[in-house]
């Protein structure tokens, strides 16, 4: 039993790092627009399938990954312009339903183009697994954790050190005041959707060598990312990262000690408990002001 714990913790950290990226996408869009984008998981799915297709066309893995991320970022921007922008100012529930529709559309298109069979990607650095703290960690898991932490750090630097990042933070803090100083919330919405799609794309490509890519993989990934975002606080980026790792570890421990079928149920029970005890999530953040 004790030997199993380190392995489960390492597994939870691996999946949690990917949930953290997806959760950050939810937080980024919600902070700027007040919208819960339930198509977030489909960005991960599409990037993974596009990358696998480009690799089958004999492109190098690095080039295929970069092209896939860029393509999904462009798709995120198009989603905002074509699906969200025309309904700008509508009731938030209407916009959430639109994102559900976009999610189902992406999933249907993926099924038609790629079918239901899984698509593999090779490990970024093939080699024997590493033994760490009494557990076994495959090399792709190290990539998953390292890349997620790198992307999160880069995102924080973007918000803290760049003018566009400061503009996004201003819209997240107070959209009305941002308009008074010449910042366009609609442009920041476009930037938020683009960055959010990129975060999901990175998560999808990094996880595919471990799990494979399928047309429906985005549904589960998006739900877990949403749970992580809510647990951490929908307006709090550090909380989303913490929530991602928490969800991953809870899922791994439940799978290892109870049953794989209980993982999702226990995760949502934790979500309900957090909402009952602390409605703003585990980590307090500034609430978005319209």
Protein backbone atom coordinates (compact mmCIF):
# COMPACT_ATOMS: atom_id res chain seq x y z
CA UNK A 1 0.00 0.00 0.00
CA UNK A 2 2.78 2.42 0.95
CA UNK A 3 4.76 1.60 -2.21
CA UNK A 4 1.70 2.43 -4.30
CA UNK A 5 1.31 5.95 -2.92
CA UNK A 6 4.37 7.55 -4.59
CA UNK A 7 3.35 6.09 -7.93
CA UNK A 8 -0.17 7.44 -7.63
CA UNK A 9 1.10 10.87 -6.62
CA UNK A 10 3.40 11.01 -9.65
CA UNK A 11 0.55 9.92 -11.91
CA UNK A 12 -1.72 12.54 -10.37
CA UNK A 13 0.87 15.26 -10.89
CA UNK A 14 1.18 14.28 -14.55
CA UNK A 15 -2.53 14.45 -15.31
CA UNK A 16 -2.96 17.40 -12.97
CA UNK A 17 -0.46 19.45 -14.93
CA UNK A 18 -2.59 18.99 -18.04
CA UNK A 19 -5.81 19.81 -16.18
CA UNK A 20 -4.09 22.97 -14.94
CA UNK A 21 -3.50 24.16 -18.52
CA UNK A 22 -7.12 23.59 -19.47
CA UNK A 23 -8.29 25.23 -16.24
CA UNK A 24 -6.18 28.30 -17.02
CA UNK A 25 -7.99 28.56 -20.34
CA UNK A 26 -11.34 28.62 -18.53
CA UNK A 27 -10.09 31.27 -16.10
CA UNK A 28 -8.61 33.44 -18.82
CA UNK A 29 -11.82 33.63 -20.85
CA UNK A 30 -14.10 33.93 -17.82
CA UNK A 31 -12.03 36.73 -16.30
CA UNK A 32 -12.22 38.85 -19.44
CA UNK A 33 -15.68 38.02 -20.80
CA UNK A 34 -17.65 36.34 -18.01
CA UNK A 35 -18.17 33.33 -20.31
CA UNK A 36 -17.57 29.70 -19.43
CA UNK A 37 -16.13 28.25 -22.63
CA UNK A 38 -17.16 24.60 -22.73
CA UNK A 39 -15.39 24.14 -26.06
CA UNK A 40 -12.06 24.39 -24.23
CA UNK A 41 -11.46 20.65 -24.21
CA UNK A 42 -12.08 20.42 -27.96
CA UNK A 43 -9.10 22.71 -28.59
CA UNK A 44 -6.94 20.03 -26.97
CA UNK A 45 -8.54 17.30 -29.05
CA UNK A 46 -8.13 19.14 -32.34
CA UNK A 47 -4.49 20.02 -31.72
CA UNK A 48 -3.66 16.40 -30.90
CA UNK A 49 -5.37 15.05 -34.03
CA UNK A 50 -3.88 17.72 -36.30
CA UNK A 51 -0.42 17.04 -34.89
CA UNK A 52 -0.82 13.28 -35.42
CA UNK A 53 -1.97 13.89 -39.00
CA UNK A 54 0.95 16.18 -39.80
CA UNK A 55 3.33 13.64 -38.32
CA UNK A 56 1.81 10.97 -40.59
CA UNK A 57 2.60 13.32 -43.48
CA UNK A 58 6.27 12.98 -42.46
CA UNK A 59 6.69 16.36 -40.81
CA UNK A 60 9.10 16.46 -37.85
CA UNK A 61 7.38 16.22 -34.50
CA UNK A 62 8.46 19.70 -33.42
CA UNK A 63 7.21 21.32 -36.61
CA UNK A 64 3.95 19.35 -36.50
CA UNK A 65 3.34 20.43 -32.90
CA UNK A 66 4.03 24.10 -33.61
CA UNK A 67 1.76 24.11 -36.67
CA UNK A 68 -1.00 22.34 -34.72
CA UNK A 69 -0.82 24.85 -31.85
CA UNK A 70 -0.83 27.79 -34.29
CA UNK A 71 -3.79 26.34 -36.18
CA UNK A 72 -5.79 25.83 -32.99
CA UNK A 73 -4.96 29.36 -31.81
CA UNK A 74 -6.36 30.64 -35.12
CA UNK A 75 -9.42 28.44 -34.60
CA UNK A 76 -9.89 29.92 -31.13
CA UNK A 77 -9.80 33.42 -32.63
CA UNK A 78 -12.32 32.41 -35.32
CA UNK A 79 -14.58 30.91 -32.65
CA UNK A 80 -14.61 34.22 -30.80
CA UNK A 81 -15.22 36.28 -33.94
CA UNK A 82 -17.85 34.06 -35.58
CA UNK A 83 -19.68 32.51 -32.62
CA UNK A 84 -19.20 34.78 -29.59
CA UNK A 85 -18.80 38.27 -31.02
CA UNK A 86 -22.17 38.36 -32.86
CA UNK A 87 -23.89 37.54 -29.54
CA UNK A 88 -21.84 40.03 -27.52
CA UNK A 89 -24.03 41.59 -24.83
CA UNK A 90 -26.46 38.67 -24.72
CA UNK A 91 -27.27 36.91 -21.45
CA UNK A 92 -24.26 34.89 -20.19
CA UNK A 93 -26.34 31.71 -20.30
CA UNK A 94 -26.90 32.26 -24.03
CA UNK A 95 -23.16 32.55 -24.59
CA UNK A 96 -22.50 29.42 -22.54
CA UNK A 97 -25.01 27.50 -24.66
CA UNK A 98 -23.21 28.76 -27.76
CA UNK A 99 -19.94 27.30 -26.47
CA UNK A 100 -21.73 23.98 -25.90
CA UNK A 101 -22.87 24.08 -29.52
CA UNK A 102 -19.36 24.89 -30.73
CA UNK A 103 -18.03 21.98 -28.68
CA UNK A 104 -20.48 19.52 -30.23
CA UNK A 105 -19.77 20.88 -33.71
CA UNK A 106 -16.00 20.43 -33.27
CA UNK A 107 -16.53 16.91 -31.95
CA UNK A 108 -18.78 16.00 -34.88
CA UNK A 109 -16.32 17.42 -37.43
CA UNK A 110 -13.47 15.52 -35.79
CA UNK A 111 -15.47 12.28 -35.93
CA UNK A 112 -16.13 12.78 -39.65
CA UNK A 113 -12.52 13.65 -40.46
CA UNK A 114 -10.60 11.25 -38.22
CA UNK A 115 -13.11 8.59 -37.25
CA UNK A 116 -13.33 6.92 -33.85
CA UNK A 117 -9.94 5.15 -33.87
CA UNK A 118 -7.21 6.53 -31.59
CA UNK A 119 -4.22 8.31 -33.11
CA UNK A 120 -0.80 7.94 -31.45
CA UNK A 121 2.09 10.34 -31.07
CA UNK A 122 5.61 9.23 -30.17
CA UNK A 123 7.19 10.23 -26.90
CA UNK A 124 9.13 13.45 -27.19
CA UNK A 125 12.28 11.77 -25.81
CA UNK A 126 12.02 7.97 -25.94
CA UNK A 127 13.88 6.07 -23.28
CA UNK A 128 13.50 3.99 -20.14
CA UNK A 129 11.30 5.23 -17.35
CA UNK A 130 12.83 6.99 -14.36
CA UNK A 131 12.48 5.95 -10.73
CA UNK A 132 11.59 8.93 -8.54
CA UNK A 133 10.60 8.88 -4.85
CA UNK A 134 9.79 5.20 -5.09
CA UNK A 135 7.56 5.59 -8.14
CA UNK A 136 8.10 5.11 -11.87
CA UNK A 137 7.83 8.14 -14.11
CA UNK A 138 7.86 7.78 -17.87
CA UNK A 139 9.78 10.43 -19.79
CA UNK A 140 6.65 11.84 -21.42
CA UNK A 141 5.24 12.49 -17.95
CA UNK A 142 8.29 14.64 -17.20
CA UNK A 143 7.61 16.54 -20.43
CA UNK A 144 3.99 17.03 -19.38
CA UNK A 145 4.87 18.45 -15.98
CA UNK A 146 7.80 20.56 -17.22
CA UNK A 147 5.96 22.01 -20.22
CA UNK A 148 2.88 22.86 -18.20
CA UNK A 149 4.95 24.67 -15.58
CA UNK A 150 6.89 26.48 -18.33
CA UNK A 151 3.72 27.60 -20.08
CA UNK A 152 2.18 28.74 -16.81
CA UNK A 153 5.32 30.73 -15.96
CA UNK A 154 5.38 32.29 -19.44
CA UNK A 155 1.72 33.23 -19.08
CA UNK A 156 2.34 34.93 -15.75
CA UNK A 157 5.27 36.86 -17.25
CA UNK A 158 3.03 37.89 -20.15
CA UNK A 159 0.43 39.30 -17.79
CA UNK A 160 2.93 40.98 -15.48
CA UNK A 161 5.50 42.36 -17.95
CA UNK A 162 3.75 43.14 -21.26
CA UNK A 163 1.31 45.83 -22.33
CA UNK A 164 -1.22 43.40 -23.90
CA UNK A 165 -1.07 41.33 -20.71
CA UNK A 166 -1.72 44.42 -18.60
CA UNK A 167 -4.68 45.28 -20.84
CA UNK A 168 -6.16 41.81 -20.35
CA UNK A 169 -5.74 42.14 -16.58
CA UNK A 170 -7.40 45.57 -16.69
CA UNK A 171 -10.43 44.15 -18.49
CA UNK A 172 -10.57 41.30 -16.01
CA UNK A 173 -10.50 43.73 -13.08
CA UNK A 174 -13.01 46.27 -14.43
CA UNK A 175 -14.28 46.21 -18.00
CA UNK A 176 -16.07 49.57 -17.69
CA UNK A 177 -12.98 51.41 -16.43
CA UNK A 178 -10.93 49.77 -19.18
CA UNK A 179 -13.21 51.28 -21.81
CA UNK A 180 -12.68 54.72 -20.27
CA UNK A 181 -8.92 54.51 -20.82
CA UNK A 182 -9.21 53.23 -24.39
CA UNK A 183 -8.90 49.46 -23.89
CA UNK A 184 -11.34 47.50 -26.01
CA UNK A 185 -12.88 44.59 -24.09
CA UNK A 186 -13.84 42.99 -27.41
CA UNK A 187 -10.24 42.93 -28.57
CA UNK A 188 -9.18 41.53 -25.24
CA UNK A 189 -11.88 38.90 -25.64
CA UNK A 190 -10.29 37.90 -28.95
CA UNK A 191 -6.88 37.71 -27.30
CA UNK A 192 -8.28 35.69 -24.41
CA UNK A 193 -9.87 33.11 -26.73
CA UNK A 194 -6.66 32.86 -28.76
CA UNK A 195 -4.45 32.31 -25.73
CA UNK A 196 -6.95 29.93 -24.19
CA UNK A 197 -7.00 27.83 -27.35
CA UNK A 198 -3.20 27.73 -27.28
CA UNK A 199 -3.19 26.49 -23.70
CA UNK A 200 -5.61 23.72 -24.59
CA UNK A 201 -3.58 22.85 -27.68
CA UNK A 202 -0.39 22.38 -25.68
CA UNK A 203 -2.20 20.14 -23.19
CA UNK A 204 -3.63 17.97 -25.96
CA UNK A 205 -0.31 17.43 -27.74
CA UNK A 206 1.61 16.67 -24.55
CA UNK A 207 -0.91 14.11 -23.30
CA UNK A 208 -1.36 12.24 -26.60
CA UNK A 209 1.87 10.17 -26.37
CA UNK A 210 0.51 8.87 -23.05
CA UNK A 211 -3.17 8.33 -23.83
CA UNK A 212 -3.58 8.58 -27.62
CA UNK A 213 -5.83 11.09 -29.40
CA UNK A 214 -9.51 10.45 -30.12
CA UNK A 215 -12.36 12.62 -31.33
CA UNK A 216 -14.04 12.56 -27.89
CA UNK A 217 -11.00 13.09 -25.65
CA UNK A 218 -11.80 16.79 -25.25
CA UNK A 219 -15.05 16.13 -23.38
CA UNK A 220 -13.43 14.52 -20.33
CA UNK A 221 -10.43 16.86 -20.41
CA UNK A 222 -12.68 19.91 -20.60
CA UNK A 223 -14.85 18.74 -17.70
CA UNK A 224 -11.82 18.04 -15.49
CA UNK A 225 -10.34 21.41 -16.41
CA UNK A 226 -13.62 23.11 -15.55
CA UNK A 227 -13.76 21.36 -12.17
CA UNK A 228 -10.16 22.43 -11.50
CA UNK A 229 -10.96 26.02 -12.43
CA UNK A 230 -14.01 26.15 -10.16
CA UNK A 231 -12.19 24.51 -7.26
CA UNK A 232 -9.35 27.01 -7.55
CA UNK A 233 -11.62 29.99 -8.15
CA UNK A 234 -12.84 30.96 -11.61
CA UNK A 235 -11.22 34.39 -11.41
CA UNK A 236 -7.90 33.19 -9.99
CA UNK A 237 -5.12 31.83 -12.21
CA UNK A 238 -2.87 30.45 -9.43
CA UNK A 239 -5.95 28.80 -7.94
CA UNK A 240 -6.67 27.12 -11.28
CA UNK A 241 -3.18 25.63 -11.34
CA UNK A 242 -3.61 24.40 -7.76
CA UNK A 243 -7.03 23.03 -8.66
CA UNK A 244 -5.60 21.17 -11.65
CA UNK A 245 -3.01 19.36 -9.57
CA UNK A 246 -5.57 18.66 -6.86
CA UNK A 247 -8.00 17.10 -9.33
CA UNK A 248 -5.24 14.99 -10.88
CA UNK A 249 -4.04 13.67 -7.53
CA UNK A 250 -7.57 12.97 -6.28
CA UNK A 251 -8.35 11.09 -9.48
CA UNK A 252 -5.16 9.03 -9.26
CA UNK A 253 -5.65 8.14 -5.59
CA UNK A 254 -9.27 7.17 -6.19
CA UNK A 255 -8.31 5.00 -9.15
CA UNK A 256 -5.51 3.31 -7.25
CA UNK A 257 -7.21 2.68 -3.92
CA UNK A 258 -10.86 2.30 -4.92
CA UNK A 259 -11.84 1.79 -8.56
CA UNK A 260 -11.23 3.61 -11.88
CA UNK A 261 -14.99 4.09 -12.16
CA UNK A 262 -15.07 6.21 -9.00
CA UNK A 263 -12.49 8.77 -10.12
CA UNK A 264 -14.84 11.20 -11.84
CA UNK A 265 -17.56 10.82 -9.18
CA UNK A 266 -15.17 11.60 -6.31
CA UNK A 267 -13.79 14.59 -8.23
CA UNK A 268 -17.25 16.09 -8.61
CA UNK A 269 -18.04 15.37 -4.96
CA UNK A 270 -14.96 17.39 -4.02
CA UNK A 271 -16.19 20.16 -6.30
CA UNK A 272 -19.57 20.20 -4.55
CA UNK A 273 -17.91 20.21 -1.14
CA UNK A 274 -15.74 23.18 -2.11
CA UNK A 275 -18.74 25.08 -3.45
CA UNK A 276 -20.73 24.42 -0.27
CA UNK A 277 -17.88 25.47 2.01
CA UNK A 278 -16.24 28.19 -0.08
CA UNK A 279 -18.20 29.51 -3.03
CA UNK A 280 -15.28 31.50 -4.45
CA UNK A 281 -13.05 28.41 -4.59
CA UNK A 282 -10.09 27.43 -2.50
CA UNK A 283 -8.04 30.48 -3.51
CA UNK A 284 -9.70 33.88 -3.37
CA UNK A 285 -9.28 36.09 -6.40
CA UNK A 286 -10.70 39.37 -7.57
CA UNK A 287 -14.18 39.03 -8.98
CA UNK A 288 -14.82 40.19 -12.49
CA UNK A 289 -16.68 43.47 -12.73
CA UNK A 290 -18.78 44.33 -15.76
